[in-house]
Every structure is written in structure tokens, then in C-alpha cells.
């Protein structure tokens, strides 16, 4: 059985360009989160990872994800080896093919992922030290065979259940889960819809949501209420905990929550409130 870095059951997903500071990483570690995932295609030199690991002692840092079209596997492998030597067992390299709409070079993503994994093999990145962004069955199977496991994004507990069936027992399954903490349902829906709407123009997410049973009426106009409530956990911290628990019950090993807040709001208060429900309730 492949052993991956310790992640705990719950971590935090944040874009690498959203001021993921060493101070924030230290605070999240103190609150009890097991990992922080750097999204938004962080650079392949992984300098942000060095800084966050140096500021913490137990937190695992993962990338969610390094884009295979942007960074050469040999260079990423060298960065991985540097980090693994300085902070053994505390880094998980997440890689993926990104979006057809965002990359002019995008072609035959499955074959490109396979070749990239070959490059990571040659660069000395162990299977247990890497994970794949994966939504559909074919890439989920590749993730289970050639990496520690899968990091799905913009999914539901039902997708987690299906992904676990495809992966089987053993491989890592670490879905991202968007959350909005609010006691105002209308405000929560509006904030969530604004966060989800850009993804509804990306073919890989649309295809996955269609596989989950969402139709044209759900995917138009920024997303139906039904779709938004399915992919974003809304409400008070206890409601967020129920969604995290649903993923874990469906077969997830680790859930990384992406706290969506109105512009200008300090996210740390939200992470504190969630930590109370997630770790101390």
C-alpha cells in the first residue's frame, strides 16, 4: 500500500496568489488543520512551499496543482528533491493538466500526464510523493496506478463515492470542498455562485458535473441553486462539518476546504470558527 505524507482528515485549499503567508500557515497548523494546498498553478520552483514549511513544524504542504504545461518535469523534480531533503515527509506534489480553455498547448491530456509522470520518475519523485488532479474515470485510474492518489476539485460527496469505487482501497482520495460560512442563506448562495460561475465555462468541470446528473438548466446563469448547494457547503460551521463528514463517509481520506469569503474579509476568523466545529465538537 502506498503511503503518502500525513495530511490529517481536514486541510485548507487556497490559491497561491491569495497571500498564503507563513503567518497564515502557522495559524492554520495551530488550529489543527493537517495540510495546506496551494492552488492556482503555483510555480514549478515551489519557493512558496519552502517558506511555508520553514514556518511550521507539522503542517504538510501540497500543490493543487502544478500545471504540466507550464513547468518541465525535470525542473519540478529538482524542486521536489530540494524540499524533501529539507522537510522530509511534509510535501505532496500535486500535478495536473489544467484546462483546455486556458492553455494553447493543451492536447491529448491523458498522454501528456503519462509522459509527465515518466519525467517525474526519471527526476526521482517517488510515487508516494505525488498526486494527480483527477475527475473522470480514466485519470482517476491513472492517479491510483502512478501516484499516491487523486485530488478532485469542484465535486460532491457522490463524486467521492464514485471515485473511491474506481480507485479501490488504498490510493489517496483528497477532494477539495468549497465552503461559505454564513447565517444568511441568500447571501451565502450569492457568494458561492460568484465563486463557482467561472468554472462553468471550463469543459472538464462541465463534463464532470454532467456525469453527476446536472443538466443545461443547472449549468447556465451562473449555476442553479441545486448545483451551487451541491458543490459548495453553505451555512454555519456545523453544516460545513456535515459536508466534510459526508465526503469522509463516501471514501475520502482527506478533505481540503476552500473558504470563500466576500472581498476584503479576513479568512482567519472563518478558519477559527470551522476549526471549533471540525476538531473540537
Protein backbone atom coordinates (compact mmCIF):
# COMPACT_ATOMS: atom_id res chain seq x y z
CA UNK A 1 0.00 0.00 0.00
CA UNK A 2 1.31 3.46 -0.99
CA UNK A 3 2.00 5.75 1.97
CA UNK A 4 1.66 9.47 1.35
CA UNK A 5 2.64 12.40 3.60
CA UNK A 6 0.45 12.86 6.69
CA UNK A 7 -2.45 15.15 5.76
CA UNK A 8 -4.94 14.64 8.56
CA UNK A 9 -8.64 14.41 7.70
CA UNK A 10 -9.08 18.13 7.00
CA UNK A 11 -6.84 20.71 5.35
CA UNK A 12 -7.18 24.09 3.69
CA UNK A 13 -7.09 24.90 -0.04
CA UNK A 14 -6.08 28.42 -1.05
CA UNK A 15 -4.80 29.93 -4.25
CA UNK A 16 -1.06 30.52 -4.09
CA UNK A 17 -1.62 34.13 -5.16
CA UNK A 18 -4.06 34.85 -2.29
CA UNK A 19 -1.45 35.80 0.28
CA UNK A 20 -0.79 32.33 1.64
CA UNK A 21 1.75 33.70 4.08
CA UNK A 22 3.96 31.83 6.54
CA UNK A 23 1.96 33.52 9.33
CA UNK A 24 -1.30 32.11 7.95
CA UNK A 25 0.23 28.63 7.60
CA UNK A 26 1.43 28.76 11.20
CA UNK A 27 -2.02 29.83 12.40
CA UNK A 28 -3.73 27.04 10.47
CA UNK A 29 -1.32 24.50 11.95
CA UNK A 30 -2.10 25.76 15.45
CA UNK A 31 -5.84 25.49 14.77
CA UNK A 32 -5.44 21.80 13.90
CA UNK A 33 -5.57 21.68 10.10
CA UNK A 34 -3.34 18.95 8.73
CA UNK A 35 -2.34 20.42 5.38
CA UNK A 36 -2.48 23.49 3.19
CA UNK A 37 -2.98 23.06 -0.56
CA UNK A 38 -1.57 25.74 -2.87
CA UNK A 39 -3.91 26.13 -5.82
CA UNK A 40 -3.91 28.28 -8.91
CA UNK A 41 -0.90 26.68 -10.63
CA UNK A 42 1.96 27.64 -8.29
CA UNK A 43 5.32 27.96 -10.00
CA UNK A 44 7.39 24.87 -10.56
CA UNK A 45 10.30 26.18 -8.49
CA UNK A 46 8.00 25.68 -5.45
CA UNK A 47 9.58 28.53 -3.48
CA UNK A 48 6.28 29.17 -1.67
CA UNK A 49 6.43 25.63 -0.34
CA UNK A 50 9.87 26.19 1.20
CA UNK A 51 8.63 29.30 3.03
CA UNK A 52 5.51 27.65 4.44
CA UNK A 53 7.31 24.54 5.62
CA UNK A 54 10.05 26.59 7.27
CA UNK A 55 7.39 28.49 9.25
CA UNK A 56 5.64 25.34 10.53
CA UNK A 57 6.61 22.07 12.17
CA UNK A 58 3.87 19.52 11.45
CA UNK A 59 1.76 21.00 8.64
CA UNK A 60 2.00 19.26 5.27
CA UNK A 61 2.08 21.45 2.18
CA UNK A 62 0.61 20.16 -1.10
CA UNK A 63 0.24 21.71 -4.52
CA UNK A 64 -3.17 21.70 -6.07
CA UNK A 65 -1.83 21.77 -8.73
CA UNK A 66 1.44 22.39 -10.59
CA UNK A 67 0.36 22.66 -14.25
CA UNK A 68 2.16 20.20 -16.51
CA UNK A 69 2.07 22.63 -19.46
CA UNK A 70 3.84 25.38 -17.51
CA UNK A 71 6.74 23.60 -15.82
CA UNK A 72 9.17 20.96 -17.01
CA UNK A 73 9.07 17.67 -15.06
CA UNK A 74 12.85 17.66 -14.56
CA UNK A 75 12.80 21.14 -13.00
CA UNK A 76 9.83 20.30 -10.80
CA UNK A 77 11.56 17.07 -9.78
CA UNK A 78 14.66 19.01 -8.73
CA UNK A 79 12.48 21.32 -6.63
CA UNK A 80 10.78 18.31 -5.07
CA UNK A 81 14.11 16.77 -4.10
CA UNK A 82 15.25 20.06 -2.55
CA UNK A 83 12.12 20.28 -0.40
CA UNK A 84 12.09 16.60 0.52
CA UNK A 85 15.68 16.85 1.75
CA UNK A 86 14.94 19.88 3.93
CA UNK A 87 11.47 18.79 5.16
CA UNK A 88 11.14 15.01 4.77
CA UNK A 89 7.60 13.64 4.71
CA UNK A 90 5.87 17.03 4.69
CA UNK A 91 5.34 17.78 0.99
CA UNK A 92 2.93 16.29 -1.56
CA UNK A 93 3.43 17.31 -5.18
CA UNK A 94 0.05 17.62 -6.88
CA UNK A 95 0.20 17.91 -10.67
CA UNK A 96 -2.44 18.14 -13.36
CA UNK A 97 -3.31 19.10 -16.91
CA UNK A 98 -5.33 22.19 -16.10
CA UNK A 99 -7.96 23.41 -18.55
CA UNK A 100 -8.25 23.23 -22.33
CA UNK A 101 -9.57 26.79 -22.38
CA UNK A 102 -6.56 28.20 -20.51
CA UNK A 103 -3.65 26.55 -22.33
CA UNK A 104 -2.84 26.90 -26.03
CA UNK A 105 -0.60 23.81 -25.87
CA UNK A 106 -3.39 21.64 -24.39
CA UNK A 107 -3.64 18.39 -26.40
CA UNK A 108 -4.13 14.72 -25.50
CA UNK A 109 -4.08 15.38 -21.76
CA UNK A 110 -4.02 11.72 -20.72
CA UNK A 111 -0.95 11.03 -22.84
CA UNK A 112 0.67 14.24 -21.59
CA UNK A 113 0.03 13.29 -17.97
CA UNK A 114 1.52 9.84 -18.54
CA UNK A 115 4.63 11.33 -20.12
CA UNK A 116 4.93 13.86 -17.27
CA UNK A 117 4.77 11.07 -14.70
CA UNK A 118 7.53 9.31 -16.62
CA UNK A 119 9.54 12.52 -16.31
CA UNK A 120 8.90 12.70 -12.57
CA UNK A 121 10.05 9.08 -12.27
CA UNK A 122 13.29 9.99 -14.05
CA UNK A 123 13.68 13.04 -11.80
CA UNK A 124 13.46 10.95 -8.64
CA UNK A 125 9.98 11.91 -7.42
CA UNK A 126 8.57 8.83 -5.66
CA UNK A 127 5.06 7.59 -6.39
CA UNK A 128 4.00 8.30 -2.79
CA UNK A 129 5.22 11.89 -3.05
CA UNK A 130 2.89 12.97 -5.85
CA UNK A 131 -0.83 13.08 -6.62
CA UNK A 132 -2.91 13.84 -9.70
CA UNK A 133 -5.78 16.24 -10.26
CA UNK A 134 -8.43 13.79 -11.43
CA UNK A 135 -12.15 13.89 -12.18
CA UNK A 136 -13.05 11.29 -14.80
CA UNK A 137 -12.60 7.52 -14.56
CA UNK A 138 -9.56 7.26 -16.82
CA UNK A 139 -7.42 9.81 -14.97
CA UNK A 140 -8.65 8.53 -11.61
CA UNK A 141 -7.32 5.09 -12.54
CA UNK A 142 -4.03 6.66 -13.66
CA UNK A 143 -3.81 8.52 -10.34
CA UNK A 144 -4.23 5.28 -8.42
CA UNK A 145 -1.68 3.42 -10.54
CA UNK A 146 1.06 6.05 -10.91
CA UNK A 147 0.77 8.31 -7.87
CA UNK A 148 -0.31 8.39 -4.24
CA UNK A 149 -3.82 9.10 -5.47
CA UNK A 150 -6.32 11.70 -6.63
CA UNK A 151 -7.09 15.33 -5.83
CA UNK A 152 -10.54 16.08 -7.35
CA UNK A 153 -11.78 19.68 -7.48
CA UNK A 154 -15.33 21.13 -7.60
CA UNK A 155 -17.02 17.88 -6.71
CA UNK A 156 -19.63 16.40 -4.40
CA UNK A 157 -19.76 13.52 -1.90
CA UNK A 158 -21.40 11.45 -4.64
CA UNK A 159 -18.36 12.01 -6.85
CA UNK A 160 -16.18 10.99 -3.90
CA UNK A 161 -18.16 7.76 -3.60
CA UNK A 162 -17.75 7.04 -7.32
CA UNK A 163 -14.05 7.96 -7.25
CA UNK A 164 -13.40 5.59 -4.35
CA UNK A 165 -15.07 2.77 -6.28
CA UNK A 166 -12.78 3.47 -9.25
CA UNK A 167 -9.61 3.87 -7.17
CA UNK A 168 -10.35 0.93 -4.91
CA UNK A 169 -8.95 0.68 -1.41
CA UNK A 170 -5.53 2.15 -0.78
CA UNK A 171 -4.90 5.18 -3.01
CA UNK A 172 -5.29 8.64 -1.55
CA UNK A 173 -8.57 10.45 -2.26
CA UNK A 174 -8.37 14.12 -1.28
CA UNK A 175 -11.25 16.19 -2.68
CA UNK A 176 -11.45 19.98 -2.48
CA UNK A 177 -14.67 21.34 -0.93
CA UNK A 178 -15.73 24.97 -1.26
CA UNK A 179 -17.47 26.39 1.83
CA UNK A 180 -19.28 29.62 2.70
CA UNK A 181 -19.83 30.29 6.40
CA UNK A 182 -22.93 32.45 6.80
CA UNK A 183 -26.21 32.55 8.68
CA UNK A 184 -27.87 34.34 5.73
CA UNK A 185 -28.89 31.74 3.09
CA UNK A 186 -29.40 34.29 0.30
CA UNK A 187 -26.05 35.95 0.93
CA UNK A 188 -24.33 32.56 1.11
CA UNK A 189 -25.80 31.50 -2.23
CA UNK A 190 -24.72 34.75 -3.87
CA UNK A 191 -21.15 34.46 -2.59
CA UNK A 192 -20.99 30.80 -3.60
CA UNK A 193 -22.41 31.42 -7.07
CA UNK A 194 -19.84 34.13 -7.74
CA UNK A 195 -17.09 31.65 -6.83
CA UNK A 196 -18.48 28.79 -8.92
CA UNK A 197 -19.64 30.64 -12.06
CA UNK A 198 -16.18 30.92 -13.73
CA UNK A 199 -15.76 27.14 -13.62
CA UNK A 200 -18.97 26.58 -15.58
CA UNK A 201 -17.22 27.71 -18.76
CA UNK A 202 -14.47 25.09 -18.40
CA UNK A 203 -15.15 21.87 -20.28
CA UNK A 204 -13.57 19.43 -17.83
CA UNK A 205 -15.70 20.64 -14.91
CA UNK A 206 -18.84 20.84 -17.04
CA UNK A 207 -18.32 17.28 -18.26
CA UNK A 208 -17.86 16.02 -14.71
CA UNK A 209 -20.94 17.84 -13.43
CA UNK A 210 -22.97 16.35 -16.28
CA UNK A 211 -21.75 12.88 -15.27
CA UNK A 212 -23.09 13.68 -11.80
CA UNK A 213 -26.55 14.38 -13.22
CA UNK A 214 -26.60 18.15 -13.69
CA UNK A 215 -28.17 19.43 -16.91
CA UNK A 216 -28.30 22.57 -19.01
CA UNK A 217 -30.65 24.32 -16.60
CA UNK A 218 -28.18 23.73 -13.77
CA UNK A 219 -25.13 24.88 -15.71
CA UNK A 220 -26.50 28.16 -17.06
CA UNK A 221 -26.90 31.56 -15.43
CA UNK A 222 -24.02 31.07 -13.03
CA UNK A 223 -25.43 27.76 -11.79
CA UNK A 224 -28.77 26.69 -10.40
CA UNK A 225 -29.40 26.76 -6.67
CA UNK A 226 -29.34 22.94 -6.77
CA UNK A 227 -25.88 22.86 -8.35
CA UNK A 228 -24.43 25.59 -6.12
CA UNK A 229 -25.66 23.88 -2.96
CA UNK A 230 -24.22 20.57 -4.20
CA UNK A 231 -20.68 21.83 -4.86
CA UNK A 232 -20.47 24.45 -2.08
CA UNK A 233 -21.22 23.72 1.57
CA UNK A 234 -23.27 26.62 2.94
CA UNK A 235 -24.29 27.62 6.45
CA UNK A 236 -22.88 27.57 9.94
CA UNK A 237 -19.76 25.59 10.91
CA UNK A 238 -21.83 22.56 11.93
CA UNK A 239 -23.33 22.42 8.43
CA UNK A 240 -19.84 22.58 6.93
CA UNK A 241 -18.76 19.73 9.20
CA UNK A 242 -21.65 17.61 7.95
CA UNK A 243 -20.47 18.05 4.37
CA UNK A 244 -16.88 17.18 5.28
CA UNK A 245 -18.16 14.12 7.13
CA UNK A 246 -20.19 13.14 4.06
CA UNK A 247 -17.02 13.11 1.94
CA UNK A 248 -15.18 11.06 4.56
CA UNK A 249 -18.07 8.59 4.80
CA UNK A 250 -18.08 8.30 1.00
CA UNK A 251 -14.43 7.25 0.96
CA UNK A 252 -12.29 10.39 1.16
CA UNK A 253 -9.09 10.14 3.18
CA UNK A 254 -8.70 13.90 3.44
CA UNK A 255 -10.90 16.90 2.57
CA UNK A 256 -9.33 20.27 1.79
CA UNK A 257 -11.77 23.11 2.40
CA UNK A 258 -11.68 26.27 0.31
CA UNK A 259 -13.24 29.02 2.41
CA UNK A 260 -15.00 31.50 0.12
CA UNK A 261 -15.41 34.94 1.67
CA UNK A 262 -16.62 38.33 0.45
CA UNK A 263 -13.80 40.57 -0.86
CA UNK A 264 -11.70 42.13 1.86
CA UNK A 265 -12.81 39.80 4.65
CA UNK A 266 -10.03 38.25 6.76
CA UNK A 267 -10.39 34.48 6.28
CA UNK A 268 -8.73 33.56 9.56
CA UNK A 269 -11.89 34.19 11.60
CA UNK A 270 -13.70 31.71 9.38
CA UNK A 271 -10.97 29.11 9.75
CA UNK A 272 -11.13 29.52 13.54
CA UNK A 273 -14.90 29.02 13.62
CA UNK A 274 -14.62 25.98 11.37
CA UNK A 275 -11.82 24.51 13.47
CA UNK A 276 -14.08 24.61 16.54
CA UNK A 277 -16.69 22.52 14.72
CA UNK A 278 -14.28 20.25 12.85
CA UNK A 279 -11.80 19.41 15.58
CA UNK A 280 -13.39 20.19 18.92
CA UNK A 281 -17.11 19.43 18.60
